[in-house]
Every structure is written in structure tokens, then in C-alpha cells.
Amino acid sequence: MTREETESKIKELIVGSLDLEDLRPEDIETGAPLFGEGLGLDSIDALELGMAIKKAFGVSFSKNPAENRQIFRSVKSLADFIEANAAKETK
């Protein structure tokens, strides 16, 4: 999967798994924050999104909340995490 495909899939998961009916995947900026001033997601959204990403990409997240905040900062940071962990699992 290319980087662009990974980012597109993440955006689709955000919209689909969180039932964001008034948002399209292409409306989400890759580097924009997902929480706070960005999309305004909350901790429940993070759990739901984390489960969807784990299922779609086969990655597991840290038990460290601070590390997970960095991973879930944006679509870009999620894609970075997925690529790094997918590379580890295929080696």
C-alpha cells in the first residue's frame, strides 16, 4: 500500500467508524489535528478509531497515553505509525 493509499484509508476510517455524516474523507487535511481545534474528536472517538485502525491495518497501539496522543495527533502521524509498525511486522 502506498503512503497516499494509507492516508486515504485512515480518512475513510475516521469518517466511517465515527459516523461523521457531514464530513467526507477528502475534507480531512492530512496534517490537521484530529483533536481539539482540528476535527474536534474526543477520547471515545480515539478508542473507536483505534479499534478500526487495528482491524484494518493489523497494528497495536501503546499502553502509554502520552505516546498514543502523539500517534493520534493527525492522519500523517497515524500513517507514520502504521508504516513503521507494518515494516516491523513484515521483517
N, C-alpha and C. Protein backbone atom coordinates (compact mmCIF):
# COMPACT_ATOMS: atom_id res chain seq x y z
N MET A 1 0.84 -1.17 0.00
CA MET A 1 0.00 0.00 0.00
C MET A 1 0.90 1.25 0.00
N THR A 2 0.59 2.19 -0.87
CA THR A 2 1.37 3.42 -0.92
C THR A 2 1.01 4.33 0.26
N ARG A 3 1.83 5.33 0.48
CA ARG A 3 1.57 6.29 1.56
C ARG A 3 0.22 6.98 1.34
N GLU A 4 -0.04 7.38 0.10
CA GLU A 4 -1.29 8.06 -0.22
C GLU A 4 -2.49 7.14 0.04
N GLU A 5 -2.37 5.87 -0.29
CA GLU A 5 -3.45 4.92 -0.03
C GLU A 5 -3.67 4.72 1.46
N THR A 6 -2.58 4.67 2.23
CA THR A 6 -2.69 4.54 3.69
C THR A 6 -3.43 5.74 4.28
N GLU A 7 -3.03 6.94 3.87
CA GLU A 7 -3.67 8.16 4.37
C GLU A 7 -5.15 8.20 3.97
N SER A 8 -5.46 7.81 2.74
CA SER A 8 -6.86 7.79 2.29
C SER A 8 -7.68 6.80 3.10
N LYS A 9 -7.12 5.64 3.37
CA LYS A 9 -7.82 4.61 4.15
C LYS A 9 -8.08 5.12 5.58
N ILE A 10 -7.09 5.79 6.18
CA ILE A 10 -7.27 6.36 7.52
C ILE A 10 -8.41 7.37 7.51
N LYS A 11 -8.45 8.24 6.51
CA LYS A 11 -9.51 9.23 6.42
C LYS A 11 -10.88 8.57 6.27
N GLU A 12 -10.93 7.51 5.47
CA GLU A 12 -12.18 6.77 5.31
C GLU A 12 -12.61 6.14 6.63
N LEU A 13 -11.64 5.61 7.39
CA LEU A 13 -11.95 5.02 8.69
C LEU A 13 -12.45 6.06 9.68
N ILE A 14 -11.87 7.24 9.64
CA ILE A 14 -12.31 8.32 10.53
C ILE A 14 -13.78 8.64 10.26
N VAL A 15 -14.12 8.85 9.01
CA VAL A 15 -15.49 9.21 8.66
C VAL A 15 -16.44 8.04 8.91
N GLY A 16 -16.05 6.84 8.48
CA GLY A 16 -16.93 5.68 8.59
C GLY A 16 -17.10 5.15 10.01
N SER A 17 -16.01 4.97 10.73
CA SER A 17 -16.11 4.37 12.06
C SER A 17 -16.69 5.33 13.09
N LEU A 18 -16.59 6.63 12.84
CA LEU A 18 -17.11 7.62 13.78
C LEU A 18 -18.43 8.23 13.32
N ASP A 19 -18.98 7.71 12.22
CA ASP A 19 -20.27 8.18 11.70
C ASP A 19 -20.32 9.70 11.53
N LEU A 20 -19.28 10.25 10.93
CA LEU A 20 -19.23 11.70 10.69
C LEU A 20 -19.94 12.01 9.38
N GLU A 21 -21.24 12.06 9.44
CA GLU A 21 -22.08 12.19 8.24
C GLU A 21 -21.87 13.48 7.47
N ASP A 22 -21.47 14.55 8.15
CA ASP A 22 -21.32 15.83 7.46
C ASP A 22 -19.90 16.08 6.98
N LEU A 23 -19.08 15.03 6.97
CA LEU A 23 -17.68 15.16 6.57
C LEU A 23 -17.34 14.07 5.56
N ARG A 24 -16.56 14.44 4.56
CA ARG A 24 -16.10 13.47 3.57
C ARG A 24 -14.61 13.23 3.82
N PRO A 25 -14.10 12.04 3.49
CA PRO A 25 -12.67 11.77 3.70
C PRO A 25 -11.76 12.82 3.07
N GLU A 26 -12.12 13.30 1.90
CA GLU A 26 -11.28 14.28 1.21
C GLU A 26 -11.29 15.65 1.89
N ASP A 27 -12.22 15.86 2.81
CA ASP A 27 -12.28 17.12 3.56
C ASP A 27 -11.26 17.17 4.70
N ILE A 28 -10.71 16.02 5.07
CA ILE A 28 -9.78 15.95 6.19
C ILE A 28 -8.37 16.25 5.70
N GLU A 29 -7.74 17.25 6.30
CA GLU A 29 -6.36 17.60 5.94
C GLU A 29 -5.41 16.63 6.63
N THR A 30 -4.43 16.14 5.89
CA THR A 30 -3.51 15.12 6.39
C THR A 30 -2.75 15.57 7.63
N GLY A 31 -2.34 16.83 7.69
CA GLY A 31 -1.56 17.31 8.81
C GLY A 31 -2.36 18.01 9.89
N ALA A 32 -3.66 18.14 9.70
CA ALA A 32 -4.50 18.86 10.67
C ALA A 32 -4.70 18.02 11.94
N PRO A 33 -4.79 18.67 13.08
CA PRO A 33 -5.04 17.95 14.33
C PRO A 33 -6.39 17.23 14.29
N LEU A 34 -6.43 16.04 14.87
CA LEU A 34 -7.68 15.30 14.93
C LEU A 34 -8.49 15.68 16.16
N PHE A 35 -7.82 16.19 17.17
CA PHE A 35 -8.48 16.53 18.43
C PHE A 35 -8.40 18.04 18.65
N GLY A 36 -9.20 18.53 19.58
CA GLY A 36 -9.15 19.95 19.91
C GLY A 36 -9.63 20.81 18.75
N GLU A 37 -8.78 21.73 18.33
CA GLU A 37 -9.15 22.70 17.29
C GLU A 37 -9.28 22.08 15.91
N GLY A 38 -8.78 20.87 15.73
CA GLY A 38 -8.88 20.21 14.43
C GLY A 38 -10.28 19.68 14.19
N LEU A 39 -10.41 18.36 14.08
CA LEU A 39 -11.71 17.75 13.86
C LEU A 39 -12.57 17.74 15.11
N GLY A 40 -11.95 17.98 16.25
CA GLY A 40 -12.71 18.02 17.50
C GLY A 40 -13.07 16.65 18.04
N LEU A 41 -12.29 15.63 17.71
CA LEU A 41 -12.55 14.29 18.23
C LEU A 41 -12.28 14.25 19.73
N ASP A 42 -12.87 13.26 20.40
CA ASP A 42 -12.65 13.10 21.84
C ASP A 42 -12.08 11.71 22.14
N SER A 43 -11.93 11.38 23.42
CA SER A 43 -11.29 10.13 23.81
C SER A 43 -12.10 8.90 23.37
N ILE A 44 -13.41 9.00 23.36
CA ILE A 44 -14.24 7.89 22.89
C ILE A 44 -14.00 7.68 21.40
N ASP A 45 -13.92 8.77 20.66
CA ASP A 45 -13.61 8.68 19.23
C ASP A 45 -12.27 8.01 19.01
N ALA A 46 -11.29 8.34 19.85
CA ALA A 46 -9.95 7.74 19.73
C ALA A 46 -10.02 6.24 19.92
N LEU A 47 -10.80 5.78 20.88
CA LEU A 47 -10.94 4.34 21.10
C LEU A 47 -11.57 3.65 19.89
N GLU A 48 -12.64 4.23 19.39
CA GLU A 48 -13.32 3.66 18.23
C GLU A 48 -12.41 3.66 17.00
N LEU A 49 -11.73 4.76 16.78
CA LEU A 49 -10.81 4.86 15.65
C LEU A 49 -9.65 3.89 15.81
N GLY A 50 -9.13 3.78 17.02
CA GLY A 50 -8.04 2.84 17.28
C GLY A 50 -8.43 1.41 16.95
N MET A 51 -9.64 1.02 17.34
CA MET A 51 -10.11 -0.34 17.02
C MET A 51 -10.25 -0.55 15.52
N ALA A 52 -10.77 0.46 14.82
CA ALA A 52 -10.94 0.36 13.37
C ALA A 52 -9.58 0.26 12.67
N ILE A 53 -8.60 1.04 13.13
CA ILE A 53 -7.26 1.01 12.53
C ILE A 53 -6.58 -0.31 12.82
N LYS A 54 -6.72 -0.80 14.04
CA LYS A 54 -6.14 -2.09 14.40
C LYS A 54 -6.68 -3.19 13.49
N LYS A 55 -7.99 -3.18 13.27
CA LYS A 55 -8.63 -4.18 12.42
C LYS A 55 -8.20 -4.04 10.95
N ALA A 56 -8.13 -2.82 10.47
CA ALA A 56 -7.81 -2.58 9.06
C ALA A 56 -6.34 -2.81 8.73
N PHE A 57 -5.44 -2.43 9.66
CA PHE A 57 -4.01 -2.47 9.36
C PHE A 57 -3.24 -3.50 10.18
N GLY A 58 -3.88 -4.11 11.17
CA GLY A 58 -3.21 -5.13 11.98
C GLY A 58 -2.11 -4.60 12.88
N VAL A 59 -2.25 -3.37 13.35
CA VAL A 59 -1.26 -2.78 14.25
C VAL A 59 -1.85 -2.67 15.65
N SER A 60 -0.98 -2.67 16.64
CA SER A 60 -1.39 -2.49 18.03
C SER A 60 -0.80 -1.20 18.55
N PHE A 61 -1.54 -0.54 19.42
CA PHE A 61 -1.09 0.73 19.97
C PHE A 61 -0.47 0.53 21.34
N SER A 62 0.26 1.52 21.77
CA SER A 62 0.95 1.53 23.05
C SER A 62 -0.04 1.61 24.20
N LYS A 63 0.39 1.17 25.36
CA LYS A 63 -0.42 1.35 26.57
C LYS A 63 -0.09 2.68 27.22
N ASN A 64 0.86 3.40 26.64
CA ASN A 64 1.29 4.69 27.15
C ASN A 64 0.41 5.79 26.55
N PRO A 65 -0.42 6.46 27.37
CA PRO A 65 -1.32 7.51 26.85
C PRO A 65 -0.59 8.65 26.13
N ALA A 66 0.55 9.06 26.65
CA ALA A 66 1.29 10.17 26.01
C ALA A 66 1.76 9.76 24.61
N GLU A 67 2.22 8.54 24.48
CA GLU A 67 2.66 8.05 23.16
C GLU A 67 1.49 7.97 22.21
N ASN A 68 0.35 7.49 22.68
CA ASN A 68 -0.83 7.40 21.83
C ASN A 68 -1.33 8.77 21.41
N ARG A 69 -1.23 9.77 22.28
CA ARG A 69 -1.62 11.14 21.89
C ARG A 69 -0.79 11.61 20.70
N GLN A 70 0.49 11.27 20.68
CA GLN A 70 1.34 11.65 19.55
C GLN A 70 0.94 10.88 18.28
N ILE A 71 0.66 9.59 18.43
CA ILE A 71 0.27 8.76 17.29
C ILE A 71 -1.02 9.28 16.67
N PHE A 72 -2.00 9.64 17.50
CA PHE A 72 -3.31 10.07 17.03
C PHE A 72 -3.41 11.57 16.78
N ARG A 73 -2.28 12.26 16.74
CA ARG A 73 -2.29 13.71 16.55
C ARG A 73 -2.91 14.12 15.22
N SER A 74 -2.61 13.38 14.15
CA SER A 74 -3.11 13.73 12.81
C SER A 74 -3.13 12.47 11.94
N VAL A 75 -3.70 12.60 10.76
CA VAL A 75 -3.67 11.50 9.79
C VAL A 75 -2.22 11.18 9.45
N LYS A 76 -1.39 12.20 9.32
CA LYS A 76 0.03 11.99 8.99
C LYS A 76 0.72 11.17 10.07
N SER A 77 0.50 11.50 11.34
CA SER A 77 1.17 10.76 12.42
C SER A 77 0.64 9.33 12.51
N LEU A 78 -0.63 9.13 12.23
CA LEU A 78 -1.18 7.77 12.20
C LEU A 78 -0.55 6.96 11.06
N ALA A 79 -0.42 7.59 9.89
CA ALA A 79 0.20 6.91 8.75
C ALA A 79 1.66 6.58 9.04
N ASP A 80 2.38 7.50 9.69
CA ASP A 80 3.77 7.23 10.08
C ASP A 80 3.84 6.00 10.98
N PHE A 81 2.95 5.94 11.98
CA PHE A 81 2.92 4.83 12.91
C PHE A 81 2.61 3.51 12.19
N ILE A 82 1.61 3.53 11.33
CA ILE A 82 1.21 2.32 10.60
C ILE A 82 2.36 1.84 9.72
N GLU A 83 2.99 2.75 8.99
CA GLU A 83 4.10 2.35 8.12
C GLU A 83 5.26 1.78 8.94
N ALA A 84 5.59 2.38 10.05
CA ALA A 84 6.71 1.90 10.89
C ALA A 84 6.39 0.52 11.46
N ASN A 85 5.18 0.32 11.90
CA ASN A 85 4.82 -0.95 12.51
C ASN A 85 4.56 -2.04 11.48
N ALA A 86 4.05 -1.68 10.34
CA ALA A 86 3.86 -2.67 9.27
C ALA A 86 5.24 -3.15 8.80
N ALA A 87 6.22 -2.25 8.75
CA ALA A 87 7.58 -2.61 8.34
C ALA A 87 8.18 -3.58 9.34
N LYS A 88 7.95 -3.37 10.64
CA LYS A 88 8.47 -4.26 11.68
C LYS A 88 7.86 -5.64 11.58
N GLU A 89 6.56 -5.70 11.31
CA GLU A 89 5.86 -6.97 11.27
C GLU A 89 6.19 -7.81 10.06
N THR A 90 6.62 -7.18 8.97
CA THR A 90 6.96 -7.94 7.77
C THR A 90 8.41 -8.42 7.77
N LYS A 91 9.22 -7.93 8.71
CA LYS A 91 10.62 -8.35 8.76
C LYS A 91 10.78 -9.65 9.50
